[in-house]
Amino acid sequence: MLQQNLDEKSEFQRLFQMYLLFEEEAERPNAEAIRIAIETQCGKTDIVSGSDALSSFAVEAYKVAYRDGEMPAQVMMADVTPFQPESITDMERTQFWTMPDGEDVLEQCRYKLLISDFMAAGLDYKSRSALLADWLEAAVSLFPTCKAIWIPSSGKLLHPSEIADNPYEGAARFLQFGMNIRYFTIHGTEDSLVDSLGLFALGLPDVQYHFHTLDPNDVSRHAFSVAAYLFEADVPVNDGETIAGLLNGEMAPEVHWPCRFEMSLIQPAREVMDVCPGEYAAGERE
């Protein structure tokens, strides 16, 4: 049984961290090779710092507005360092839904490489999402021996092919790696909880469903669709409004599920849009 810890809080990520994981120590390309890979993905890119310990690159296509003018956002790459698989918690390991062999893959990895954005928090969230997706795709292309990608903010572990073959386009590519749909059963009850984890990193609410009886797979698909809608439309749902619920496992406009914004029931503590599934709602709601 997993222990809840709502003292663990998650907030807007000023640096969005992503890790490439390896079985063997990988050889890091030089700064110019990295710059070319980014430029191929994003257009004009300049080296800000070429240090092997921490390289940074300015990406001209993504400009952040400041009081005195615009500056290009940057991306960073650290050096390859040892990785301890046990640093991924038991709770995080229960949510590797898109990677059934995730536990085995994780135990094989002994090295990690940190990549992130830098001075990019001032971008609008969709531009930032596109930059992160571009950077992750470029980085994966540079490391053919990459075994997996770990995204701490979403708790998502991915095969490199899930990045190379991302089914989404533009900013929405973020949903492939930056958002995870989680499923929990509530100990001592017949209740379940499905939520999204990851939108908080961009300053958006995640979604949450506390329910009984419904098929968790149907609720998980509904949760992804609703979270993607919040992402695409910049959270168009107001507190107390309704969205289309489920009928026989399918989204049905004639079924109205009310929504409200609150703090999450499951760690990490963050703002969520709680979706109340009508007669299938569990727990106490005002």
C-alpha atoms as a PDB file:
ATOM      1  CA  MET A   1       0.000   0.000   0.000  1.00  0.00           C
ATOM      2  CA  LEU A   2       1.414   3.396  -1.008  1.00  0.00           C
ATOM      3  CA  GLN A   3       1.556   6.210   1.527  1.00  0.00           C
ATOM      4  CA  GLN A   4       0.101   9.598   0.688  1.00  0.00           C
ATOM      5  CA  ASN A   5       2.251  12.711   1.193  1.00  0.00           C
ATOM      6  CA  LEU A   6       0.471  15.962   0.399  1.00  0.00           C
ATOM      7  CA  ASP A   7       3.383  17.916   1.862  1.00  0.00           C
ATOM      8  CA  GLU A   8       4.966  17.246  -1.525  1.00  0.00           C
ATOM      9  CA  LYS A   9       3.930  20.267  -3.587  1.00  0.00           C
ATOM     10  CA  SER A  10       4.345  20.974  -7.281  1.00  0.00           C
ATOM     11  CA  GLU A  11       4.399  24.404  -8.823  1.00  0.00           C
ATOM     12  CA  PHE A  12       5.109  26.121 -12.127  1.00  0.00           C
ATOM     13  CA  GLN A  13       8.495  24.915 -13.381  1.00  0.00           C
ATOM     14  CA  ARG A  14      10.883  27.755 -14.176  1.00  0.00           C
ATOM     15  CA  LEU A  15      13.317  25.103 -15.457  1.00  0.00           C
ATOM     16  CA  PHE A  16      11.707  22.114 -17.144  1.00  0.00           C
ATOM     17  CA  GLN A  17      13.979  19.132 -16.560  1.00  0.00           C
ATOM     18  CA  MET A  18      14.158  16.022 -18.760  1.00  0.00           C
ATOM     19  CA  TYR A  19      16.561  13.074 -18.433  1.00  0.00           C
ATOM     20  CA  LEU A  20      17.943  10.713 -21.053  1.00  0.00           C
ATOM     21  CA  LEU A  21      18.867   7.380 -19.452  1.00  0.00           C
ATOM     22  CA  PHE A  22      21.551   4.915 -20.586  1.00  0.00           C
ATOM     23  CA  GLU A  23      22.836   1.431 -19.772  1.00  0.00           C
ATOM     24  CA  GLU A  24      26.443   2.385 -20.571  1.00  0.00           C
ATOM     25  CA  GLU A  25      28.170   5.732 -20.233  1.00  0.00           C
ATOM     26  CA  ALA A  26      27.328   7.662 -23.407  1.00  0.00           C
ATOM     27  CA  GLU A  27      29.743   9.907 -25.281  1.00  0.00           C
ATOM     28  CA  ARG A  28      28.479  13.460 -25.257  1.00  0.00           C
ATOM     29  CA  PRO A  29      28.769  15.321 -28.597  1.00  0.00           C
ATOM     30  CA  ASN A  30      30.648  18.621 -28.693  1.00  0.00           C
ATOM     31  CA  ALA A  31      28.759  21.894 -28.527  1.00  0.00           C
ATOM     32  CA  GLU A  32      28.852  22.487 -32.279  1.00  0.00           C
ATOM     33  CA  ALA A  33      27.282  19.097 -33.028  1.00  0.00           C
ATOM     34  CA  ILE A  34      24.555  19.837 -30.494  1.00  0.00           C
ATOM     35  CA  ARG A  35      23.992  23.292 -31.989  1.00  0.00           C
ATOM     36  CA  ILE A  36      23.568  21.811 -35.471  1.00  0.00           C
ATOM     37  CA  ALA A  37      21.010  19.291 -34.190  1.00  0.00           C
ATOM     38  CA  ILE A  38      19.001  22.076 -32.536  1.00  0.00           C
ATOM     39  CA  GLU A  39      19.277  24.308 -35.585  1.00  0.00           C
ATOM     40  CA  THR A  40      18.025  21.477 -37.798  1.00  0.00           C
ATOM     41  CA  GLN A  41      14.985  21.215 -35.542  1.00  0.00           C
ATOM     42  CA  CYS A  42      14.344  24.879 -34.694  1.00  0.00           C
ATOM     43  CA  GLY A  43      16.213  27.167 -37.075  1.00  0.00           C
ATOM     44  CA  LYS A  44      18.979  29.634 -36.197  1.00  0.00           C
ATOM     45  CA  THR A  45      20.696  28.643 -32.947  1.00  0.00           C
ATOM     46  CA  ASP A  46      23.773  30.112 -31.260  1.00  0.00           C
ATOM     47  CA  ILE A  47      26.120  28.632 -28.666  1.00  0.00           C
ATOM     48  CA  VAL A  48      25.964  30.617 -25.419  1.00  0.00           C
ATOM     49  CA  SER A  49      28.282  28.317 -23.469  1.00  0.00           C
ATOM     50  CA  GLY A  50      30.164  25.389 -24.982  1.00  0.00           C
ATOM     51  CA  SER A  51      31.291  23.787 -21.723  1.00  0.00           C
ATOM     52  CA  ASP A  52      30.942  20.001 -21.583  1.00  0.00           C
ATOM     53  CA  ALA A  53      29.769  20.285 -17.984  1.00  0.00           C
ATOM     54  CA  LEU A  54      26.843  22.495 -18.982  1.00  0.00           C
ATOM     55  CA  SER A  55      26.293  23.746 -22.531  1.00  0.00           C
ATOM     56  CA  SER A  56      23.627  26.308 -23.375  1.00  0.00           C
ATOM     57  CA  PHE A  57      22.159  27.446 -26.676  1.00  0.00           C
ATOM     58  CA  ALA A  58      20.027  30.428 -27.706  1.00  0.00           C
ATOM     59  CA  VAL A  59      17.147  29.484 -30.031  1.00  0.00           C
ATOM     60  CA  GLU A  60      16.128  32.484 -32.132  1.00  0.00           C
ATOM     61  CA  ALA A  61      12.680  31.155 -33.032  1.00  0.00           C
ATOM     62  CA  TYR A  62      11.569  31.385 -29.402  1.00  0.00           C
ATOM     63  CA  LYS A  63      11.796  34.975 -28.162  1.00  0.00           C
ATOM     64  CA  VAL A  64      10.955  36.006 -24.599  1.00  0.00           C
ATOM     65  CA  ALA A  65       9.661  39.557 -24.161  1.00  0.00           C
ATOM     66  CA  TYR A  66      11.327  41.652 -21.461  1.00  0.00           C
ATOM     67  CA  ARG A  67      10.799  45.280 -20.474  1.00  0.00           C
ATOM     68  CA  ASP A  68      13.825  46.360 -22.484  1.00  0.00           C
ATOM     69  CA  GLY A  69      13.250  44.136 -25.505  1.00  0.00           C
ATOM     70  CA  GLU A  70      13.285  40.501 -26.623  1.00  0.00           C
ATOM     71  CA  MET A  71      15.815  37.773 -25.929  1.00  0.00           C
ATOM     72  CA  PRO A  72      15.894  34.262 -27.349  1.00  0.00           C
ATOM     73  CA  ALA A  73      15.019  31.465 -24.942  1.00  0.00           C
ATOM     74  CA  GLN A  74      17.781  28.975 -24.250  1.00  0.00           C
ATOM     75  CA  VAL A  75      18.140  25.231 -23.831  1.00  0.00           C
ATOM     76  CA  MET A  76      20.803  23.495 -21.761  1.00  0.00           C
ATOM     77  CA  MET A  77      22.557  20.131 -21.698  1.00  0.00           C
ATOM     78  CA  ALA A  78      24.588  18.865 -18.737  1.00  0.00           C
ATOM     79  CA  ASP A  79      27.194  16.100 -18.781  1.00  0.00           C
ATOM     80  CA  VAL A  80      26.559  12.359 -18.482  1.00  0.00           C
ATOM     81  CA  THR A  81      26.539  11.360 -14.811  1.00  0.00           C
ATOM     82  CA  PRO A  82      25.728   8.211 -12.797  1.00  0.00           C
ATOM     83  CA  PHE A  83      22.050   7.353 -12.328  1.00  0.00           C
ATOM     84  CA  GLN A  84      20.519   5.480  -9.401  1.00  0.00           C
ATOM     85  CA  PRO A  85      17.313   3.660 -10.439  1.00  0.00           C
ATOM     86  CA  GLU A  86      16.145   3.735  -6.815  1.00  0.00           C
ATOM     87  CA  SER A  87      15.782   7.523  -7.141  1.00  0.00           C
ATOM     88  CA  ILE A  88      12.461   6.808  -8.904  1.00  0.00           C
ATOM     89  CA  THR A  89       9.940   6.235  -6.116  1.00  0.00           C
ATOM     90  CA  ASP A  90       7.638   3.247  -5.678  1.00  0.00           C
ATOM     91  CA  MET A  91       4.652   5.494  -6.289  1.00  0.00           C
ATOM     92  CA  GLU A  92       6.112   6.793  -9.550  1.00  0.00           C
ATOM     93  CA  ARG A  93       6.843   3.224 -10.659  1.00  0.00           C
ATOM     94  CA  THR A  94       3.150   2.287 -10.357  1.00  0.00           C
ATOM     95  CA  GLN A  95       2.268   4.775 -13.108  1.00  0.00           C
ATOM     96  CA  PHE A  96       4.353   3.550 -16.069  1.00  0.00           C
ATOM     97  CA  TRP A  97       1.174   2.821 -18.061  1.00  0.00           C
ATOM     98  CA  THR A  98       2.598   3.543 -21.522  1.00  0.00           C
ATOM     99  CA  MET A  99       5.742   1.496 -20.820  1.00  0.00           C
ATOM    100  CA  PRO A 100       4.819  -1.926 -19.381  1.00  0.00           C
ATOM    101  CA  ASP A 101       8.480  -2.980 -19.223  1.00  0.00           C
ATOM    102  CA  GLY A 102       9.401   0.267 -17.478  1.00  0.00           C
ATOM    103  CA  GLU A 103      10.602  -1.359 -14.249  1.00  0.00           C
ATOM    104  CA  ASP A 104      12.970  -3.676 -16.124  1.00  0.00           C
ATOM    105  CA  VAL A 105      14.273  -0.885 -18.352  1.00  0.00           C
ATOM    106  CA  LEU A 106      14.823   1.391 -15.385  1.00  0.00           C
ATOM    107  CA  GLU A 107      16.899  -1.215 -13.528  1.00  0.00           C
ATOM    108  CA  GLN A 108      19.205  -1.548 -16.544  1.00  0.00           C
ATOM    109  CA  CYS A 109      20.017   2.174 -16.637  1.00  0.00           C
ATOM    110  CA  ARG A 110      23.169   3.372 -14.893  1.00  0.00           C
ATOM    111  CA  TYR A 111      23.766   6.804 -16.446  1.00  0.00           C
ATOM    112  CA  LYS A 112      21.686   9.929 -17.029  1.00  0.00           C
ATOM    113  CA  LEU A 113      21.918  13.149 -19.027  1.00  0.00           C
ATOM    114  CA  LEU A 114      19.979  16.233 -17.935  1.00  0.00           C
ATOM    115  CA  ILE A 115      18.531  18.578 -20.532  1.00  0.00           C
ATOM    116  CA  SER A 116      16.278  21.545 -19.813  1.00  0.00           C
ATOM    117  CA  ASP A 117      15.108  24.913 -21.013  1.00  0.00           C
ATOM    118  CA  PHE A 118      16.569  28.126 -19.560  1.00  0.00           C
ATOM    119  CA  MET A 119      15.195  31.656 -19.476  1.00  0.00           C
ATOM    120  CA  ALA A 120      12.132  30.248 -21.232  1.00  0.00           C
ATOM    121  CA  ALA A 121       9.549  30.543 -18.436  1.00  0.00           C
ATOM    122  CA  GLY A 122       8.421  33.879 -19.899  1.00  0.00           C
ATOM    123  CA  LEU A 123       7.248  32.261 -23.141  1.00  0.00           C
ATOM    124  CA  ASP A 124       3.542  31.625 -23.547  1.00  0.00           C
ATOM    125  CA  TYR A 125       2.917  28.016 -22.535  1.00  0.00           C
ATOM    126  CA  LYS A 126       2.351  26.730 -26.066  1.00  0.00           C
ATOM    127  CA  SER A 127       5.576  28.239 -27.399  1.00  0.00           C
ATOM    128  CA  ARG A 128       7.424  26.808 -24.431  1.00  0.00           C
ATOM    129  CA  SER A 129       5.846  23.388 -25.029  1.00  0.00           C
ATOM    130  CA  ALA A 130       6.972  23.483 -28.664  1.00  0.00           C
ATOM    131  CA  LEU A 131      10.506  24.458 -27.622  1.00  0.00           C
ATOM    132  CA  LEU A 132      10.666  21.587 -25.118  1.00  0.00           C
ATOM    133  CA  ALA A 133       9.410  19.114 -27.712  1.00  0.00           C
ATOM    134  CA  ASP A 134      11.925  20.389 -30.286  1.00  0.00           C
ATOM    135  CA  TRP A 135      14.771  20.166 -27.776  1.00  0.00           C
ATOM    136  CA  LEU A 136      13.868  16.673 -26.608  1.00  0.00           C
ATOM    137  CA  GLU A 137      13.597  15.402 -30.192  1.00  0.00           C
ATOM    138  CA  ALA A 138      16.963  16.945 -31.084  1.00  0.00           C
ATOM    139  CA  ALA A 139      18.622  15.489 -27.974  1.00  0.00           C
ATOM    140  CA  VAL A 140      17.248  11.991 -28.580  1.00  0.00           C
ATOM    141  CA  SER A 141      18.569  12.129 -32.152  1.00  0.00           C
ATOM    142  CA  LEU A 142      22.070  12.778 -30.795  1.00  0.00           C
ATOM    143  CA  PHE A 143      22.134   9.719 -28.522  1.00  0.00           C
ATOM    144  CA  PRO A 144      21.301   6.456 -30.346  1.00  0.00           C
ATOM    145  CA  THR A 145      22.130   4.442 -27.205  1.00  0.00           C
ATOM    146  CA  CYS A 146      19.492   6.238 -25.120  1.00  0.00           C
ATOM    147  CA  LYS A 147      17.461   3.557 -23.349  1.00  0.00           C
ATOM    148  CA  ALA A 148      14.634   5.676 -21.909  1.00  0.00           C
ATOM    149  CA  ILE A 149      13.506   9.220 -21.153  1.00  0.00           C
ATOM    150  CA  TRP A 150      12.414  10.215 -17.644  1.00  0.00           C
ATOM    151  CA  ILE A 151      10.286  13.331 -17.089  1.00  0.00           C
ATOM    152  CA  PRO A 152      10.118  14.113 -13.347  1.00  0.00           C
ATOM    153  CA  SER A 153       7.254  16.624 -13.534  1.00  0.00           C
ATOM    154  CA  SER A 154       4.892  14.158 -15.224  1.00  0.00           C
ATOM    155  CA  GLY A 155       6.294  10.975 -13.711  1.00  0.00           C
ATOM    156  CA  LYS A 156       6.452   9.545 -17.209  1.00  0.00           C
ATOM    157  CA  LEU A 157       9.022   7.035 -18.469  1.00  0.00           C
ATOM    158  CA  LEU A 158       9.207   6.690 -22.260  1.00  0.00           C
ATOM    159  CA  HIS A 159      10.998   4.690 -24.913  1.00  0.00           C
ATOM    160  CA  PRO A 160      13.006   6.944 -27.291  1.00  0.00           C
ATOM    161  CA  SER A 161      10.709   5.776 -30.115  1.00  0.00           C
ATOM    162  CA  GLU A 162       7.777   7.469 -28.342  1.00  0.00           C
ATOM    163  CA  ILE A 163       9.589  10.775 -28.857  1.00  0.00           C
ATOM    164  CA  ALA A 164      10.814  10.082 -32.377  1.00  0.00           C
ATOM    165  CA  ASP A 165       7.320   8.913 -33.411  1.00  0.00           C
ATOM    166  CA  ASN A 166       5.315  11.457 -31.408  1.00  0.00           C
ATOM    167  CA  PRO A 167       1.724  11.256 -32.752  1.00  0.00           C
ATOM    168  CA  TYR A 168       0.948  14.889 -31.932  1.00  0.00           C
ATOM    169  CA  GLU A 169       1.975  18.060 -33.728  1.00  0.00           C
ATOM    170  CA  GLY A 170       3.205  21.490 -32.752  1.00  0.00           C
ATOM    171  CA  ALA A 171       2.862  22.459 -29.105  1.00  0.00           C
ATOM    172  CA  ALA A 172       0.625  19.424 -28.458  1.00  0.00           C
ATOM    173  CA  ARG A 173       3.711  17.189 -28.738  1.00  0.00           C
ATOM    174  CA  PHE A 174       4.223  18.152 -25.083  1.00  0.00           C
ATOM    175  CA  LEU A 175       1.288  15.907 -24.131  1.00  0.00           C
ATOM    176  CA  GLN A 176       3.266  12.829 -25.193  1.00  0.00           C
ATOM    177  CA  PHE A 177       5.951  13.315 -22.546  1.00  0.00           C
ATOM    178  CA  GLY A 178       4.914  16.197 -20.312  1.00  0.00           C
ATOM    179  CA  MET A 179       1.590  14.771 -19.103  1.00  0.00           C
ATOM    180  CA  ASN A 180       0.809  11.409 -17.548  1.00  0.00           C
ATOM    181  CA  ILE A 181      -2.629   9.951 -16.819  1.00  0.00           C
ATOM    182  CA  ARG A 182      -2.495   8.152 -13.461  1.00  0.00           C
ATOM    183  CA  TYR A 183      -4.820   5.589 -11.863  1.00  0.00           C
ATOM    184  CA  PHE A 184      -5.177   4.742  -8.177  1.00  0.00           C
ATOM    185  CA  THR A 185      -7.479   2.560  -6.111  1.00  0.00           C
ATOM    186  CA  ILE A 186      -8.442   3.950  -2.705  1.00  0.00           C
ATOM    187  CA  HIS A 187      -7.482   1.536   0.091  1.00  0.00           C
ATOM    188  CA  GLY A 188     -10.399   0.175   2.100  1.00  0.00           C
ATOM    189  CA  THR A 189     -13.040   1.294  -0.413  1.00  0.00           C
ATOM    190  CA  GLU A 190     -14.301   0.428  -3.885  1.00  0.00           C
ATOM    191  CA  ASP A 191     -13.413   3.920  -5.059  1.00  0.00           C
ATOM    192  CA  SER A 192     -10.850   4.879  -7.686  1.00  0.00           C
ATOM    193  CA  LEU A 193      -9.059   8.042  -8.698  1.00  0.00           C
ATOM    194  CA  VAL A 194      -7.782   9.054 -12.118  1.00  0.00           C
ATOM    195  CA  ASP A 195      -5.822  12.257 -12.616  1.00  0.00           C
ATOM    196  CA  SER A 196      -3.389  13.938 -14.964  1.00  0.00           C
ATOM    197  CA  LEU A 197       0.071  14.962 -13.833  1.00  0.00           C
ATOM    198  CA  GLY A 198       2.203  17.492 -15.648  1.00  0.00           C
ATOM    199  CA  LEU A 199       0.141  20.445 -16.843  1.00  0.00           C
ATOM    200  CA  PHE A 200       0.942  22.225 -13.579  1.00  0.00           C
ATOM    201  CA  ALA A 201       4.524  22.596 -14.842  1.00  0.00           C
ATOM    202  CA  LEU A 202       3.254  25.014 -17.501  1.00  0.00           C
ATOM    203  CA  GLY A 203       1.008  26.916 -15.104  1.00  0.00           C
ATOM    204  CA  LEU A 204      -2.173  25.050 -16.106  1.00  0.00           C
ATOM    205  CA  PRO A 205      -4.453  22.937 -13.886  1.00  0.00           C
ATOM    206  CA  ASP A 206      -4.363  19.173 -14.092  1.00  0.00           C
ATOM    207  CA  VAL A 207      -7.622  17.161 -14.077  1.00  0.00           C
ATOM    208  CA  GLN A 208      -8.967  14.770 -11.428  1.00  0.00           C
ATOM    209  CA  TYR A 209     -11.804  12.207 -11.145  1.00  0.00           C
ATOM    210  CA  HIS A 210     -12.827  10.488  -7.883  1.00  0.00           C
ATOM    211  CA  PHE A 211     -15.345   7.775  -8.758  1.00  0.00           C
ATOM    212  CA  HIS A 212     -16.729   4.278  -8.370  1.00  0.00           C
ATOM    213  CA  THR A 213     -18.216   1.665 -10.746  1.00  0.00           C
ATOM    214  CA  LEU A 214     -17.016   3.268 -13.996  1.00  0.00           C
ATOM    215  CA  ASP A 215     -14.369   1.474 -16.086  1.00  0.00           C
ATOM    216  CA  PRO A 216     -11.024   3.145 -15.232  1.00  0.00           C
ATOM    217  CA  ASN A 217      -9.900   2.782 -18.852  1.00  0.00           C
ATOM    218  CA  ASP A 218     -12.903   4.830 -20.017  1.00  0.00           C
ATOM    219  CA  VAL A 219     -12.256   7.446 -17.344  1.00  0.00           C
ATOM    220  CA  SER A 220      -8.565   7.583 -18.273  1.00  0.00           C
ATOM    221  CA  ARG A 221      -9.404   8.232 -21.925  1.00  0.00           C
ATOM    222  CA  HIS A 222     -11.901  10.899 -20.867  1.00  0.00           C
ATOM    223  CA  ALA A 223      -9.267  12.483 -18.601  1.00  0.00           C
ATOM    224  CA  PHE A 224      -6.717  12.652 -21.414  1.00  0.00           C
ATOM    225  CA  SER A 225      -9.256  14.223 -23.776  1.00  0.00           C
ATOM    226  CA  VAL A 226     -10.312  16.814 -21.209  1.00  0.00           C
ATOM    227  CA  ALA A 227      -6.736  17.647 -20.182  1.00  0.00           C
ATOM    228  CA  ALA A 228      -5.760  18.002 -23.860  1.00  0.00           C
ATOM    229  CA  TYR A 229      -8.774  20.317 -24.324  1.00  0.00           C
ATOM    230  CA  LEU A 230      -7.627  22.488 -21.410  1.00  0.00           C
ATOM    231  CA  PHE A 231      -4.167  22.615 -22.996  1.00  0.00           C
ATOM    232  CA  GLU A 232      -5.375  23.402 -26.511  1.00  0.00           C
ATOM    233  CA  ALA A 233      -7.981  26.010 -25.509  1.00  0.00           C
ATOM    234  CA  ASP A 234      -6.180  27.680 -22.579  1.00  0.00           C
ATOM    235  CA  VAL A 235      -8.531  26.367 -19.873  1.00  0.00           C
ATOM    236  CA  PRO A 236     -11.901  27.520 -21.250  1.00  0.00           C
ATOM    237  CA  VAL A 237     -13.911  25.891 -18.427  1.00  0.00           C
ATOM    238  CA  ASN A 238     -14.936  28.056 -15.472  1.00  0.00           C
ATOM    239  CA  ASP A 239     -15.571  26.913 -11.916  1.00  0.00           C
ATOM    240  CA  GLY A 240     -19.033  25.338 -11.682  1.00  0.00           C
ATOM    241  CA  GLU A 241     -19.498  24.802 -15.418  1.00  0.00           C
ATOM    242  CA  THR A 242     -20.136  21.357 -16.921  1.00  0.00           C
ATOM    243  CA  ILE A 243     -18.437  19.253 -19.573  1.00  0.00           C
ATOM    244  CA  ALA A 244     -19.668  16.229 -21.537  1.00  0.00           C
ATOM    245  CA  GLY A 245     -19.537  13.083 -19.402  1.00  0.00           C
ATOM    246  CA  LEU A 246     -19.514   9.388 -20.257  1.00  0.00           C
ATOM    247  CA  LEU A 247     -22.367   7.193 -21.427  1.00  0.00           C
ATOM    248  CA  ASN A 248     -21.620   3.534 -22.139  1.00  0.00           C
ATOM    249  CA  GLY A 249     -17.925   4.353 -22.149  1.00  0.00           C
ATOM    250  CA  GLU A 250     -18.165   7.137 -24.710  1.00  0.00           C
ATOM    251  CA  MET A 251     -18.178  10.913 -24.321  1.00  0.00           C
ATOM    252  CA  ALA A 252     -21.800  12.063 -24.498  1.00  0.00           C
ATOM    253  CA  PRO A 253     -22.847  15.756 -24.757  1.00  0.00           C
ATOM    254  CA  GLU A 254     -26.197  14.969 -23.116  1.00  0.00           C
ATOM    255  CA  VAL A 255     -24.403  13.856 -19.932  1.00  0.00           C
ATOM    256  CA  HIS A 256     -23.303  16.846 -17.845  1.00  0.00           C
ATOM    257  CA  TRP A 257     -20.425  16.497 -15.384  1.00  0.00           C
ATOM    258  CA  PRO A 258     -19.768  19.601 -13.261  1.00  0.00           C
ATOM    259  CA  CYS A 259     -16.234  20.879 -12.712  1.00  0.00           C
ATOM    260  CA  ARG A 260     -14.589  22.847  -9.967  1.00  0.00           C
ATOM    261  CA  PHE A 261     -11.048  23.960  -9.260  1.00  0.00           C
ATOM    262  CA  GLU A 262      -9.416  22.721  -6.066  1.00  0.00           C
ATOM    263  CA  MET A 263      -6.219  21.209  -4.692  1.00  0.00           C
ATOM    264  CA  SER A 264      -5.478  17.642  -5.702  1.00  0.00           C
ATOM    265  CA  LEU A 265      -6.412  14.616  -3.606  1.00  0.00           C
ATOM    266  CA  ILE A 266      -3.259  12.699  -4.564  1.00  0.00           C
ATOM    267  CA  GLN A 267       0.302  13.991  -4.311  1.00  0.00           C
ATOM    268  CA  PRO A 268       1.935  16.109  -5.434  1.00  0.00           C
ATOM    269  CA  ALA A 269      -0.321  18.893  -4.151  1.00  0.00           C
ATOM    270  CA  ARG A 270      -1.289  21.126  -7.077  1.00  0.00           C
ATOM    271  CA  GLU A 271      -4.338  22.819  -8.589  1.00  0.00           C
ATOM    272  CA  VAL A 272      -6.665  20.495 -10.489  1.00  0.00           C
ATOM    273  CA  MET A 273      -9.986  20.760 -12.262  1.00  0.00           C
ATOM    274  CA  ASP A 274     -12.042  18.177 -10.382  1.00  0.00           C
ATOM    275  CA  VAL A 275     -14.611  16.530 -12.642  1.00  0.00           C
ATOM    276  CA  CYS A 276     -17.632  15.183 -10.750  1.00  0.00           C
ATOM    277  CA  PRO A 277     -18.954  12.093 -12.608  1.00  0.00           C
ATOM    278  CA  GLY A 278     -22.577  12.427 -11.503  1.00  0.00           C
ATOM    279  CA  GLU A 279     -24.043   9.282  -9.947  1.00  0.00           C
ATOM    280  CA  TYR A 280     -20.605   7.654 -10.083  1.00  0.00           C
ATOM    281  CA  ALA A 281     -18.956  10.310  -7.911  1.00  0.00           C
ATOM    282  CA  ALA A 282     -17.044   9.101  -4.850  1.00  0.00           C
ATOM    283  CA  GLY A 283     -16.012  10.982  -1.746  1.00  0.00           C
ATOM    284  CA  GLU A 284     -17.638  14.050  -0.278  1.00  0.00           C
ATOM    285  CA  ARG A 285     -18.275  17.167  -2.346  1.00  0.00           C
ATOM    286  CA  GLU A 286     -19.880  20.374  -1.208  1.00  0.00           C
END
